[in-house]
Amino acid sequence: MRDRPRIFDDMSGLAGGAFSALTGLREELKALVQNRVDEFLARLEVVRREEFDAMVQMASHSRMETERLARQVKLLEERLKAAEPHGSAPSKKKPASP
């Protein structure tokens, strides 16, 4: 009995080579398209989602910090007002000129 004809081995090798070449071409094409899209978006000054999410997080943190500081200022103003004698406002005297 005879083994498989050599032509099948050749066709198998050719198909494998073509598959490898197409895979490489696909990856190269994908990189090229991604590069073009990045250039286009850069010209439009569009931000990436990751950058946008980071800015949203920073803005949220800043807003919370601002609210915390506003509460702290209000508390300090209330304590200062409570420490002053009734009916008197803090003096705003100018120093005497020489």
N, C-alpha and C. Protein backbone atom coordinates (compact mmCIF):
# COMPACT_ATOMS: atom_id res chain seq x y z
N MET A 1 0.84 -1.17 0.00
CA MET A 1 0.00 0.00 0.00
C MET A 1 0.89 1.24 0.00
N ARG A 2 0.46 2.19 -0.74
CA ARG A 2 1.23 3.41 -0.93
C ARG A 2 0.85 4.48 0.08
N ASP A 3 1.83 5.27 0.50
CA ASP A 3 1.54 6.41 1.40
C ASP A 3 0.83 7.50 0.63
N ARG A 4 0.44 8.47 1.33
CA ARG A 4 -0.22 9.62 0.74
C ARG A 4 0.63 10.24 -0.35
N PRO A 5 0.02 10.67 -1.44
CA PRO A 5 0.81 11.32 -2.49
C PRO A 5 1.44 12.61 -1.98
N ARG A 6 2.58 12.93 -2.48
CA ARG A 6 3.35 14.12 -2.07
C ARG A 6 2.58 15.41 -2.37
N ILE A 7 1.72 15.41 -3.34
CA ILE A 7 0.98 16.62 -3.70
C ILE A 7 0.13 17.12 -2.53
N PHE A 8 -0.39 16.19 -1.73
CA PHE A 8 -1.19 16.61 -0.57
C PHE A 8 -0.31 17.31 0.47
N ASP A 9 0.90 16.81 0.65
CA ASP A 9 1.84 17.45 1.56
C ASP A 9 2.19 18.85 1.06
N ASP A 10 2.41 18.97 -0.24
CA ASP A 10 2.74 20.27 -0.83
C ASP A 10 1.58 21.25 -0.67
N MET A 11 0.38 20.78 -0.93
CA MET A 11 -0.79 21.66 -0.80
C MET A 11 -1.02 22.04 0.65
N SER A 12 -0.76 21.12 1.56
CA SER A 12 -0.90 21.42 2.99
C SER A 12 0.11 22.48 3.41
N GLY A 13 1.35 22.33 2.94
CA GLY A 13 2.38 23.33 3.25
C GLY A 13 2.05 24.69 2.66
N LEU A 14 1.53 24.67 1.44
CA LEU A 14 1.15 25.92 0.78
C LEU A 14 0.01 26.60 1.52
N ALA A 15 -0.98 25.83 1.94
CA ALA A 15 -2.11 26.39 2.69
C ALA A 15 -1.65 26.97 4.02
N GLY A 16 -0.76 26.26 4.70
CA GLY A 16 -0.23 26.76 5.98
C GLY A 16 0.55 28.05 5.80
N GLY A 17 1.36 28.10 4.75
CA GLY A 17 2.12 29.32 4.47
C GLY A 17 1.21 30.48 4.14
N ALA A 18 0.17 30.21 3.33
CA ALA A 18 -0.78 31.26 2.97
C ALA A 18 -1.51 31.76 4.21
N PHE A 19 -1.88 30.85 5.08
CA PHE A 19 -2.57 31.23 6.31
C PHE A 19 -1.68 32.12 7.17
N SER A 20 -0.40 31.75 7.30
CA SER A 20 0.54 32.56 8.07
C SER A 20 0.71 33.94 7.46
N ALA A 21 0.82 33.98 6.13
CA ALA A 21 0.98 35.26 5.45
C ALA A 21 -0.25 36.13 5.64
N LEU A 22 -1.44 35.54 5.55
CA LEU A 22 -2.66 36.31 5.74
C LEU A 22 -2.80 36.81 7.17
N THR A 23 -2.38 36.01 8.12
CA THR A 23 -2.43 36.43 9.52
C THR A 23 -1.50 37.61 9.74
N GLY A 24 -0.29 37.53 9.19
CA GLY A 24 0.65 38.64 9.30
C GLY A 24 0.12 39.89 8.62
N LEU A 25 -0.48 39.71 7.45
CA LEU A 25 -1.05 40.83 6.72
C LEU A 25 -2.20 41.47 7.50
N ARG A 26 -3.00 40.63 8.12
CA ARG A 26 -4.12 41.13 8.92
C ARG A 26 -3.62 41.99 10.08
N GLU A 27 -2.59 41.51 10.77
CA GLU A 27 -2.03 42.26 11.90
C GLU A 27 -1.43 43.58 11.43
N GLU A 28 -0.75 43.54 10.31
CA GLU A 28 -0.13 44.75 9.77
C GLU A 28 -1.21 45.75 9.35
N LEU A 29 -2.26 45.27 8.71
CA LEU A 29 -3.36 46.12 8.29
C LEU A 29 -4.07 46.72 9.51
N LYS A 30 -4.25 45.91 10.53
CA LYS A 30 -4.90 46.39 11.76
C LYS A 30 -4.08 47.52 12.39
N ALA A 31 -2.76 47.34 12.45
CA ALA A 31 -1.89 48.37 13.02
C ALA A 31 -1.94 49.65 12.18
N LEU A 32 -1.95 49.50 10.86
CA LEU A 32 -2.00 50.65 9.97
C LEU A 32 -3.32 51.41 10.14
N VAL A 33 -4.43 50.71 10.19
CA VAL A 33 -5.73 51.35 10.38
C VAL A 33 -5.79 52.04 11.73
N GLN A 34 -5.29 51.38 12.77
CA GLN A 34 -5.29 51.98 14.12
C GLN A 34 -4.47 53.26 14.13
N ASN A 35 -3.34 53.24 13.45
CA ASN A 35 -2.48 54.42 13.38
C ASN A 35 -3.21 55.56 12.67
N ARG A 36 -3.88 55.26 11.57
CA ARG A 36 -4.62 56.29 10.82
C ARG A 36 -5.76 56.86 11.66
N VAL A 37 -6.47 56.00 12.36
CA VAL A 37 -7.57 56.46 13.21
C VAL A 37 -7.03 57.35 14.32
N ASP A 38 -5.91 56.97 14.93
CA ASP A 38 -5.30 57.78 15.98
C ASP A 38 -4.90 59.16 15.45
N GLU A 39 -4.31 59.20 14.25
CA GLU A 39 -3.93 60.47 13.65
C GLU A 39 -5.16 61.34 13.39
N PHE A 40 -6.21 60.73 12.85
CA PHE A 40 -7.44 61.45 12.56
C PHE A 40 -8.06 62.03 13.83
N LEU A 41 -8.13 61.23 14.88
CA LEU A 41 -8.69 61.68 16.14
C LEU A 41 -7.84 62.77 16.78
N ALA A 42 -6.53 62.68 16.60
CA ALA A 42 -5.64 63.71 17.14
C ALA A 42 -5.89 65.04 16.43
N ARG A 43 -6.11 64.99 15.12
CA ARG A 43 -6.40 66.22 14.38
C ARG A 43 -7.72 66.83 14.83
N LEU A 44 -8.69 65.99 15.19
CA LEU A 44 -9.98 66.49 15.67
C LEU A 44 -9.94 66.88 17.14
N GLU A 45 -8.83 66.60 17.80
CA GLU A 45 -8.64 66.86 19.23
C GLU A 45 -9.68 66.13 20.07
N VAL A 46 -9.95 64.89 19.71
CA VAL A 46 -10.87 64.04 20.44
C VAL A 46 -10.07 63.30 21.51
N VAL A 47 -10.62 63.21 22.71
CA VAL A 47 -9.91 62.51 23.78
C VAL A 47 -10.33 61.05 23.82
N ARG A 48 -9.43 60.22 24.29
CA ARG A 48 -9.74 58.80 24.45
C ARG A 48 -10.61 58.61 25.68
N ARG A 49 -11.32 57.52 25.71
CA ARG A 49 -12.24 57.21 26.81
C ARG A 49 -11.49 57.15 28.14
N GLU A 50 -10.29 56.58 28.14
CA GLU A 50 -9.52 56.45 29.37
C GLU A 50 -9.17 57.84 29.93
N GLU A 51 -8.79 58.76 29.02
CA GLU A 51 -8.45 60.11 29.45
C GLU A 51 -9.69 60.82 29.98
N PHE A 52 -10.82 60.64 29.30
CA PHE A 52 -12.08 61.26 29.73
C PHE A 52 -12.48 60.74 31.11
N ASP A 53 -12.41 59.43 31.30
CA ASP A 53 -12.77 58.84 32.60
C ASP A 53 -11.87 59.35 33.71
N ALA A 54 -10.58 59.51 33.40
CA ALA A 54 -9.64 60.03 34.40
C ALA A 54 -10.00 61.47 34.77
N MET A 55 -10.36 62.28 33.78
CA MET A 55 -10.74 63.67 34.05
C MET A 55 -12.05 63.74 34.85
N VAL A 56 -12.99 62.87 34.55
CA VAL A 56 -14.25 62.83 35.30
C VAL A 56 -13.96 62.49 36.76
N GLN A 57 -13.08 61.53 36.97
CA GLN A 57 -12.73 61.14 38.33
C GLN A 57 -12.03 62.29 39.07
N MET A 58 -11.13 63.00 38.38
CA MET A 58 -10.45 64.14 39.00
C MET A 58 -11.44 65.25 39.33
N ALA A 59 -12.39 65.51 38.42
CA ALA A 59 -13.39 66.55 38.67
C ALA A 59 -14.27 66.18 39.86
N SER A 60 -14.65 64.92 39.95
CA SER A 60 -15.47 64.46 41.06
C SER A 60 -14.72 64.62 42.39
N HIS A 61 -13.45 64.24 42.38
CA HIS A 61 -12.63 64.38 43.59
C HIS A 61 -12.51 65.86 43.97
N SER A 62 -12.29 66.72 42.98
CA SER A 62 -12.16 68.15 43.25
C SER A 62 -13.46 68.72 43.81
N ARG A 63 -14.59 68.29 43.25
CA ARG A 63 -15.89 68.76 43.72
C ARG A 63 -16.11 68.35 45.18
N MET A 64 -15.78 67.10 45.51
CA MET A 64 -15.94 66.64 46.89
C MET A 64 -15.03 67.42 47.83
N GLU A 65 -13.80 67.69 47.39
CA GLU A 65 -12.85 68.43 48.22
C GLU A 65 -13.34 69.87 48.42
N THR A 66 -13.88 70.48 47.37
CA THR A 66 -14.41 71.84 47.47
C THR A 66 -15.58 71.88 48.45
N GLU A 67 -16.46 70.91 48.38
CA GLU A 67 -17.60 70.85 49.31
C GLU A 67 -17.12 70.66 50.74
N ARG A 68 -16.11 69.83 50.93
CA ARG A 68 -15.56 69.60 52.27
C ARG A 68 -14.96 70.89 52.82
N LEU A 69 -14.21 71.60 51.99
CA LEU A 69 -13.59 72.85 52.43
C LEU A 69 -14.65 73.92 52.70
N ALA A 70 -15.72 73.95 51.91
CA ALA A 70 -16.80 74.91 52.15
C ALA A 70 -17.46 74.64 53.50
N ARG A 71 -17.68 73.37 53.82
CA ARG A 71 -18.26 73.03 55.13
C ARG A 71 -17.30 73.44 56.25
N GLN A 72 -16.02 73.23 56.05
CA GLN A 72 -15.04 73.58 57.06
C GLN A 72 -15.00 75.10 57.28
N VAL A 73 -15.06 75.88 56.19
CA VAL A 73 -15.07 77.34 56.31
C VAL A 73 -16.32 77.79 57.05
N LYS A 74 -17.46 77.20 56.71
CA LYS A 74 -18.71 77.56 57.38
C LYS A 74 -18.63 77.28 58.88
N LEU A 75 -18.08 76.13 59.23
CA LEU A 75 -17.93 75.76 60.63
C LEU A 75 -17.00 76.75 61.35
N LEU A 76 -15.90 77.10 60.71
CA LEU A 76 -14.97 78.05 61.33
C LEU A 76 -15.60 79.43 61.47
N GLU A 77 -16.39 79.85 60.49
CA GLU A 77 -17.08 81.14 60.60
C GLU A 77 -18.07 81.12 61.74
N GLU A 78 -18.79 80.01 61.92
CA GLU A 78 -19.74 79.89 63.02
C GLU A 78 -19.03 79.93 64.37
N ARG A 79 -17.89 79.25 64.44
CA ARG A 79 -17.13 79.26 65.70
C ARG A 79 -16.58 80.65 66.00
N LEU A 80 -16.14 81.35 64.97
CA LEU A 80 -15.62 82.71 65.16
C LEU A 80 -16.74 83.65 65.61
N LYS A 81 -17.90 83.50 64.98
CA LYS A 81 -19.05 84.33 65.34
C LYS A 81 -19.48 84.05 66.78
N ALA A 82 -19.46 82.80 67.19
CA ALA A 82 -19.84 82.44 68.55
C ALA A 82 -18.82 82.95 69.56
N ALA A 83 -17.58 83.08 69.18
CA ALA A 83 -16.53 83.53 70.09
C ALA A 83 -16.53 85.05 70.25
N GLU A 84 -17.13 85.78 69.32
CA GLU A 84 -17.17 87.24 69.41
C GLU A 84 -18.22 87.67 70.41
N PRO A 85 -17.98 88.81 71.06
CA PRO A 85 -19.01 89.34 71.96
C PRO A 85 -20.23 89.73 71.12
N HIS A 86 -21.41 89.61 71.73
CA HIS A 86 -22.65 89.90 71.01
C HIS A 86 -22.69 91.36 70.56
N GLY A 87 -23.11 91.55 69.32
CA GLY A 87 -23.31 92.88 68.80
C GLY A 87 -22.06 93.56 68.29
N SER A 88 -20.92 92.97 68.50
CA SER A 88 -19.72 93.65 67.99
C SER A 88 -19.18 92.88 66.80
N ALA A 89 -18.79 93.62 65.84
CA ALA A 89 -18.18 93.04 64.65
C ALA A 89 -16.68 93.10 64.80
N PRO A 90 -15.97 92.27 64.12
CA PRO A 90 -14.51 92.34 64.21
C PRO A 90 -14.05 93.71 63.75
N SER A 91 -13.10 94.26 64.49
CA SER A 91 -12.62 95.59 64.14
C SER A 91 -11.75 95.54 62.92
N LYS A 92 -11.90 96.58 62.11
CA LYS A 92 -11.09 96.68 60.90
C LYS A 92 -10.31 97.99 60.98
N LYS A 93 -9.66 98.20 62.10
CA LYS A 93 -8.89 99.41 62.29
C LYS A 93 -7.68 99.41 61.39
N LYS A 94 -7.40 100.58 60.86
CA LYS A 94 -6.18 100.74 60.08
C LYS A 94 -5.08 101.12 61.05
N PRO A 95 -3.89 100.62 60.81
CA PRO A 95 -2.79 101.03 61.69
C PRO A 95 -2.50 102.51 61.51
N ALA A 96 -2.05 103.13 62.56
CA ALA A 96 -1.75 104.57 62.53
C ALA A 96 -0.59 104.80 61.59
N SER A 97 -0.69 105.91 60.83
CA SER A 97 0.38 106.27 59.88
C SER A 97 1.49 106.97 60.64
N PRO A 98 2.74 106.76 60.30
CA PRO A 98 3.84 107.43 61.00
C PRO A 98 4.00 108.86 60.59
